[in-house]
C-alpha cells in the first residue's frame, strides 16, 4: 500500500513540475476559447466510464459530491489538480450531440464563470494526460479541510461508477 502512495506522490510531483503549477495559483481554467471547439461540452466513449462528458479538447469532465453551483469548495491547492471548465463571462455553454442534461454556469469565488452540468461544477483532472483518460474517476482527496469524492460526468446525468479504485486516492 505504501508503494501506491509513493507512486502517486511521484506522479503528482511530476505533473506539477511539468505544468508549472508549483506557484500555488491557477489563473486560468479550461475554456472554450480561440483554437478550441465551439462546443463547450460533448460526449465521448471513455474506457471504464462509457458515455462521458468531455471538454473541447476531449478531456474527461468530473464533478464532486461536495459541490453545487451555490457551493464551490475546490479553491487554492485543489486547483493544482482539478481545473475548472470555464467560459468567458456573459457567454453560455454549448452542448454537443449526446449531451442531454442541463448545462449552465456559476460564478466561482475567484470571479471566473464555471460551467455546470445538472447543477454540478465541472473540472478536468491534471493527471489525465490525454483525451479519453479518466484517472480521477472515483478518486477521493482533501483540500482546505474539505474531503472530495470525484466522479466522471456522464451524459445520463448520473455519477459514473469507477472502473477500479481502492479509494485511497493519490496520496497528495
C-alpha atoms as a PDB file:
ATOM      1  CA  UNK A   1       0.000   0.000   0.000  1.00  0.00           C
ATOM      2  CA  UNK A   2       2.903   2.349   0.744  1.00  0.00           C
ATOM      3  CA  UNK A   3       4.264   1.903  -2.775  1.00  0.00           C
ATOM      4  CA  UNK A   4       0.927   3.085  -4.242  1.00  0.00           C
ATOM      5  CA  UNK A   5       1.138   6.255  -2.180  1.00  0.00           C
ATOM      6  CA  UNK A   6       4.780   6.782  -3.192  1.00  0.00           C
ATOM      7  CA  UNK A   7       3.952   6.266  -6.891  1.00  0.00           C
ATOM      8  CA  UNK A   8       1.008   8.655  -6.570  1.00  0.00           C
ATOM      9  CA  UNK A   9       3.095  11.335  -4.891  1.00  0.00           C
ATOM     10  CA  UNK A  10       5.802  10.961  -7.554  1.00  0.00           C
ATOM     11  CA  UNK A  11       3.216  11.281 -10.331  1.00  0.00           C
ATOM     12  CA  UNK A  12       1.723  14.388  -8.759  1.00  0.00           C
ATOM     13  CA  UNK A  13       5.163  15.952  -8.336  1.00  0.00           C
ATOM     14  CA  UNK A  14       5.986  15.281 -11.991  1.00  0.00           C
ATOM     15  CA  UNK A  15       2.633  16.723 -13.064  1.00  0.00           C
ATOM     16  CA  UNK A  16       3.234  19.858 -11.000  1.00  0.00           C
ATOM     17  CA  UNK A  17       6.708  20.417 -12.398  1.00  0.00           C
ATOM     18  CA  UNK A  18       5.587  19.744 -15.967  1.00  0.00           C
ATOM     19  CA  UNK A  19       2.596  22.059 -15.723  1.00  0.00           C
ATOM     20  CA  UNK A  20       4.301  24.823 -13.754  1.00  0.00           C
ATOM     21  CA  UNK A  21       1.663  24.660 -11.007  1.00  0.00           C
ATOM     22  CA  UNK A  22       4.225  24.974  -8.237  1.00  0.00           C
ATOM     23  CA  UNK A  23       3.469  28.675  -7.961  1.00  0.00           C
ATOM     24  CA  UNK A  24       0.375  27.885  -5.895  1.00  0.00           C
ATOM     25  CA  UNK A  25      -2.085  29.695  -8.117  1.00  0.00           C
ATOM     26  CA  UNK A  26      -4.196  28.849 -11.103  1.00  0.00           C
ATOM     27  CA  UNK A  27      -5.095  31.903 -13.088  1.00  0.00           C
ATOM     28  CA  UNK A  28      -6.981  30.068 -15.795  1.00  0.00           C
ATOM     29  CA  UNK A  29      -9.237  27.169 -16.441  1.00  0.00           C
ATOM     30  CA  UNK A  30     -10.222  25.070 -19.363  1.00  0.00           C
ATOM     31  CA  UNK A  31     -12.020  27.449 -21.655  1.00  0.00           C
ATOM     32  CA  UNK A  32     -13.834  27.261 -24.953  1.00  0.00           C
ATOM     33  CA  UNK A  33     -11.706  29.996 -26.492  1.00  0.00           C
ATOM     34  CA  UNK A  34      -9.520  30.527 -29.528  1.00  0.00           C
ATOM     35  CA  UNK A  35      -8.239  27.317 -31.063  1.00  0.00           C
ATOM     36  CA  UNK A  36     -10.747  25.153 -29.241  1.00  0.00           C
ATOM     37  CA  UNK A  37     -14.009  23.631 -30.323  1.00  0.00           C
ATOM     38  CA  UNK A  38     -17.031  25.943 -30.220  1.00  0.00           C
ATOM     39  CA  UNK A  39     -18.799  23.155 -28.300  1.00  0.00           C
ATOM     40  CA  UNK A  40     -18.111  23.541 -24.586  1.00  0.00           C
ATOM     41  CA  UNK A  41     -19.244  20.048 -23.535  1.00  0.00           C
ATOM     42  CA  UNK A  42     -19.669  16.960 -25.685  1.00  0.00           C
ATOM     43  CA  UNK A  43     -19.985  13.215 -25.255  1.00  0.00           C
ATOM     44  CA  UNK A  44     -17.235  10.661 -25.845  1.00  0.00           C
ATOM     45  CA  UNK A  45     -16.842   6.990 -25.076  1.00  0.00           C
ATOM     46  CA  UNK A  46     -14.193   6.775 -22.331  1.00  0.00           C
ATOM     47  CA  UNK A  47     -12.775   3.380 -21.342  1.00  0.00           C
ATOM     48  CA  UNK A  48     -14.059   2.283 -17.940  1.00  0.00           C
ATOM     49  CA  UNK A  49     -16.690   5.046 -17.877  1.00  0.00           C
ATOM     50  CA  UNK A  50     -18.832   4.775 -21.006  1.00  0.00           C
ATOM     51  CA  UNK A  51     -20.562   7.835 -22.475  1.00  0.00           C
ATOM     52  CA  UNK A  52     -18.640  10.514 -20.566  1.00  0.00           C
ATOM     53  CA  UNK A  53     -18.788  14.268 -20.850  1.00  0.00           C
ATOM     54  CA  UNK A  54     -15.628  15.872 -22.233  1.00  0.00           C
ATOM     55  CA  UNK A  55     -14.344  19.386 -22.862  1.00  0.00           C
ATOM     56  CA  UNK A  56     -13.378  20.871 -26.239  1.00  0.00           C
ATOM     57  CA  UNK A  57     -10.036  19.013 -26.130  1.00  0.00           C
ATOM     58  CA  UNK A  58     -11.694  15.644 -25.427  1.00  0.00           C
ATOM     59  CA  UNK A  59     -10.589  15.577 -21.775  1.00  0.00           C
ATOM     60  CA  UNK A  60     -12.936  13.865 -19.326  1.00  0.00           C
ATOM     61  CA  UNK A  61     -15.019  16.172 -17.145  1.00  0.00           C
ATOM     62  CA  UNK A  62     -15.579  15.493 -13.454  1.00  0.00           C
ATOM     63  CA  UNK A  63     -17.723  16.727 -10.576  1.00  0.00           C
ATOM     64  CA  UNK A  64     -17.521  16.210  -6.822  1.00  0.00           C
ATOM     65  CA  UNK A  65     -20.274  15.108  -4.462  1.00  0.00           C
ATOM     66  CA  UNK A  66     -19.475  18.029  -2.166  1.00  0.00           C
ATOM     67  CA  UNK A  67     -20.082  20.881  -4.594  1.00  0.00           C
ATOM     68  CA  UNK A  68     -23.072  22.542  -6.186  1.00  0.00           C
ATOM     69  CA  UNK A  69     -23.471  25.700  -8.250  1.00  0.00           C
ATOM     70  CA  UNK A  70     -24.033  27.593  -4.990  1.00  0.00           C
ATOM     71  CA  UNK A  71     -21.186  25.942  -3.035  1.00  0.00           C
ATOM     72  CA  UNK A  72     -17.747  25.761  -4.638  1.00  0.00           C
ATOM     73  CA  UNK A  73     -15.014  24.386  -2.365  1.00  0.00           C
ATOM     74  CA  UNK A  74     -12.294  23.451  -4.876  1.00  0.00           C
ATOM     75  CA  UNK A  75     -10.062  26.508  -4.498  1.00  0.00           C
ATOM     76  CA  UNK A  76      -6.383  27.222  -3.804  1.00  0.00           C
ATOM     77  CA  UNK A  77      -4.355  23.949  -3.647  1.00  0.00           C
ATOM     78  CA  UNK A  78      -7.261  21.938  -5.108  1.00  0.00           C
ATOM     79  CA  UNK A  79      -6.838  23.878  -8.362  1.00  0.00           C
ATOM     80  CA  UNK A  80      -3.370  22.395  -8.842  1.00  0.00           C
ATOM     81  CA  UNK A  81      -5.082  19.070  -9.622  1.00  0.00           C
ATOM     82  CA  UNK A  82      -8.636  19.968 -10.686  1.00  0.00           C
ATOM     83  CA  UNK A  83      -9.061  22.639 -13.372  1.00  0.00           C
ATOM     84  CA  UNK A  84     -12.489  24.307 -13.599  1.00  0.00           C
ATOM     85  CA  UNK A  85     -14.183  24.273 -17.005  1.00  0.00           C
ATOM     86  CA  UNK A  86     -14.650  27.998 -17.553  1.00  0.00           C
ATOM     87  CA  UNK A  87     -16.067  30.254 -20.248  1.00  0.00           C
ATOM     88  CA  UNK A  88     -15.986  33.993 -20.759  1.00  0.00           C
ATOM     89  CA  UNK A  89     -18.318  35.958 -18.538  1.00  0.00           C
ATOM     90  CA  UNK A  90     -21.641  36.508 -20.291  1.00  0.00           C
ATOM     91  CA  UNK A  91     -21.200  33.507 -22.615  1.00  0.00           C
ATOM     92  CA  UNK A  92     -23.432  30.444 -22.483  1.00  0.00           C
ATOM     93  CA  UNK A  93     -22.069  26.896 -22.554  1.00  0.00           C
ATOM     94  CA  UNK A  94     -22.858  24.878 -25.655  1.00  0.00           C
ATOM     95  CA  UNK A  95     -23.673  21.178 -25.827  1.00  0.00           C
ATOM     96  CA  UNK A  96     -22.589  18.710 -28.465  1.00  0.00           C
ATOM     97  CA  UNK A  97     -24.641  15.737 -29.597  1.00  0.00           C
ATOM     98  CA  UNK A  98     -25.460  13.251 -26.853  1.00  0.00           C
ATOM     99  CA  UNK A  99     -25.412  15.853 -24.074  1.00  0.00           C
ATOM    100  CA  UNK A 100     -28.975  15.780 -22.776  1.00  0.00           C
ATOM    101  CA  UNK A 101     -28.655  17.284 -19.302  1.00  0.00           C
ATOM    102  CA  UNK A 102     -28.818  20.916 -18.251  1.00  0.00           C
ATOM    103  CA  UNK A 103     -25.694  22.981 -18.935  1.00  0.00           C
ATOM    104  CA  UNK A 104     -25.456  26.250 -17.046  1.00  0.00           C
ATOM    105  CA  UNK A 105     -22.858  28.425 -15.316  1.00  0.00           C
ATOM    106  CA  UNK A 106     -21.971  29.637 -11.866  1.00  0.00           C
ATOM    107  CA  UNK A 107     -19.623  32.274 -10.557  1.00  0.00           C
ATOM    108  CA  UNK A 108     -16.516  30.909  -8.820  1.00  0.00           C
ATOM    109  CA  UNK A 109     -15.083  32.596  -5.712  1.00  0.00           C
ATOM    110  CA  UNK A 110     -12.269  33.971  -7.945  1.00  0.00           C
ATOM    111  CA  UNK A 111     -14.848  35.583 -10.270  1.00  0.00           C
ATOM    112  CA  UNK A 112     -14.453  33.142 -13.183  1.00  0.00           C
ATOM    113  CA  UNK A 113     -17.554  31.717 -14.853  1.00  0.00           C
ATOM    114  CA  UNK A 114     -17.604  27.930 -14.413  1.00  0.00           C
ATOM    115  CA  UNK A 115     -19.716  25.524 -16.459  1.00  0.00           C
ATOM    116  CA  UNK A 116     -22.116  23.264 -14.540  1.00  0.00           C
ATOM    117  CA  UNK A 117     -23.982  20.147 -15.626  1.00  0.00           C
ATOM    118  CA  UNK A 118     -27.116  19.253 -13.708  1.00  0.00           C
ATOM    119  CA  UNK A 119     -26.095  21.861 -11.120  1.00  0.00           C
ATOM    120  CA  UNK A 120     -22.615  20.371 -10.541  1.00  0.00           C
ATOM    121  CA  UNK A 121     -19.474  22.421 -11.361  1.00  0.00           C
ATOM    122  CA  UNK A 122     -17.268  20.660 -13.941  1.00  0.00           C
ATOM    123  CA  UNK A 123     -13.483  20.121 -13.817  1.00  0.00           C
ATOM    124  CA  UNK A 124     -10.710  18.334 -15.696  1.00  0.00           C
ATOM    125  CA  UNK A 125      -8.057  16.334 -13.816  1.00  0.00           C
ATOM    126  CA  UNK A 126      -4.363  17.202 -14.196  1.00  0.00           C
ATOM    127  CA  UNK A 127      -3.234  13.556 -14.251  1.00  0.00           C
ATOM    128  CA  UNK A 128      -5.408  12.780 -17.284  1.00  0.00           C
ATOM    129  CA  UNK A 129      -2.600  13.337 -19.745  1.00  0.00           C
ATOM    130  CA  UNK A 130      -4.529  12.516 -22.897  1.00  0.00           C
ATOM    131  CA  UNK A 131      -8.072  12.785 -24.149  1.00  0.00           C
ATOM    132  CA  UNK A 132     -10.144   9.752 -23.231  1.00  0.00           C
ATOM    133  CA  UNK A 133      -8.480   9.071 -19.866  1.00  0.00           C
ATOM    134  CA  UNK A 134     -10.418   9.001 -16.584  1.00  0.00           C
ATOM    135  CA  UNK A 135      -7.793   8.636 -13.845  1.00  0.00           C
ATOM    136  CA  UNK A 136      -9.803  10.866 -11.486  1.00  0.00           C
ATOM    137  CA  UNK A 137     -12.963   8.742 -11.597  1.00  0.00           C
ATOM    138  CA  UNK A 138     -13.777   7.523  -8.092  1.00  0.00           C
ATOM    139  CA  UNK A 139     -10.864   9.439  -6.571  1.00  0.00           C
ATOM    140  CA  UNK A 140     -11.131  10.749  -3.014  1.00  0.00           C
ATOM    141  CA  UNK A 141      -8.889  13.608  -1.879  1.00  0.00           C
ATOM    142  CA  UNK A 142      -8.951  16.516   0.569  1.00  0.00           C
ATOM    143  CA  UNK A 143      -8.036  20.194   0.368  1.00  0.00           C
ATOM    144  CA  UNK A 144      -8.607  23.011   2.850  1.00  0.00           C
ATOM    145  CA  UNK A 145     -10.453  20.769   5.292  1.00  0.00           C
ATOM    146  CA  UNK A 146     -12.926  19.507   2.667  1.00  0.00           C
ATOM    147  CA  UNK A 147     -12.866  15.883   1.545  1.00  0.00           C
ATOM    148  CA  UNK A 148     -13.877  15.428  -2.090  1.00  0.00           C
ATOM    149  CA  UNK A 149     -15.253  12.373  -3.885  1.00  0.00           C
ATOM    150  CA  UNK A 150     -14.837  12.826  -7.671  1.00  0.00           C
ATOM    151  CA  UNK A 151     -16.836  11.217 -10.484  1.00  0.00           C
ATOM    152  CA  UNK A 152     -16.541  11.282 -14.246  1.00  0.00           C
ATOM    153  CA  UNK A 153     -19.593  13.144 -15.505  1.00  0.00           C
ATOM    154  CA  UNK A 154     -21.720  11.055 -17.832  1.00  0.00           C
ATOM    155  CA  UNK A 155     -24.278  12.055 -20.420  1.00  0.00           C
ATOM    156  CA  UNK A 156     -27.142  10.459 -18.475  1.00  0.00           C
ATOM    157  CA  UNK A 157     -26.524  12.916 -15.627  1.00  0.00           C
ATOM    158  CA  UNK A 158     -25.746  10.232 -13.050  1.00  0.00           C
ATOM    159  CA  UNK A 159     -22.388   9.515 -11.474  1.00  0.00           C
ATOM    160  CA  UNK A 160     -20.175   7.021 -13.190  1.00  0.00           C
ATOM    161  CA  UNK A 161     -19.006   4.023 -11.193  1.00  0.00           C
ATOM    162  CA  UNK A 162     -15.211   3.968 -11.016  1.00  0.00           C
ATOM    163  CA  UNK A 163     -13.599   1.298 -13.154  1.00  0.00           C
ATOM    164  CA  UNK A 164     -11.086   0.428 -10.451  1.00  0.00           C
ATOM    165  CA  UNK A 165     -10.151   2.293  -7.316  1.00  0.00           C
ATOM    166  CA  UNK A 166      -9.175   1.309  -3.821  1.00  0.00           C
ATOM    167  CA  UNK A 167     -10.474   4.646  -2.502  1.00  0.00           C
ATOM    168  CA  UNK A 168      -7.060   5.786  -1.293  1.00  0.00           C
ATOM    169  CA  UNK A 169      -6.559   8.492  -3.890  1.00  0.00           C
ATOM    170  CA  UNK A 170      -3.088   9.504  -4.984  1.00  0.00           C
ATOM    171  CA  UNK A 171      -1.737  10.409  -1.557  1.00  0.00           C
ATOM    172  CA  UNK A 172      -1.341  14.140  -2.160  1.00  0.00           C
END
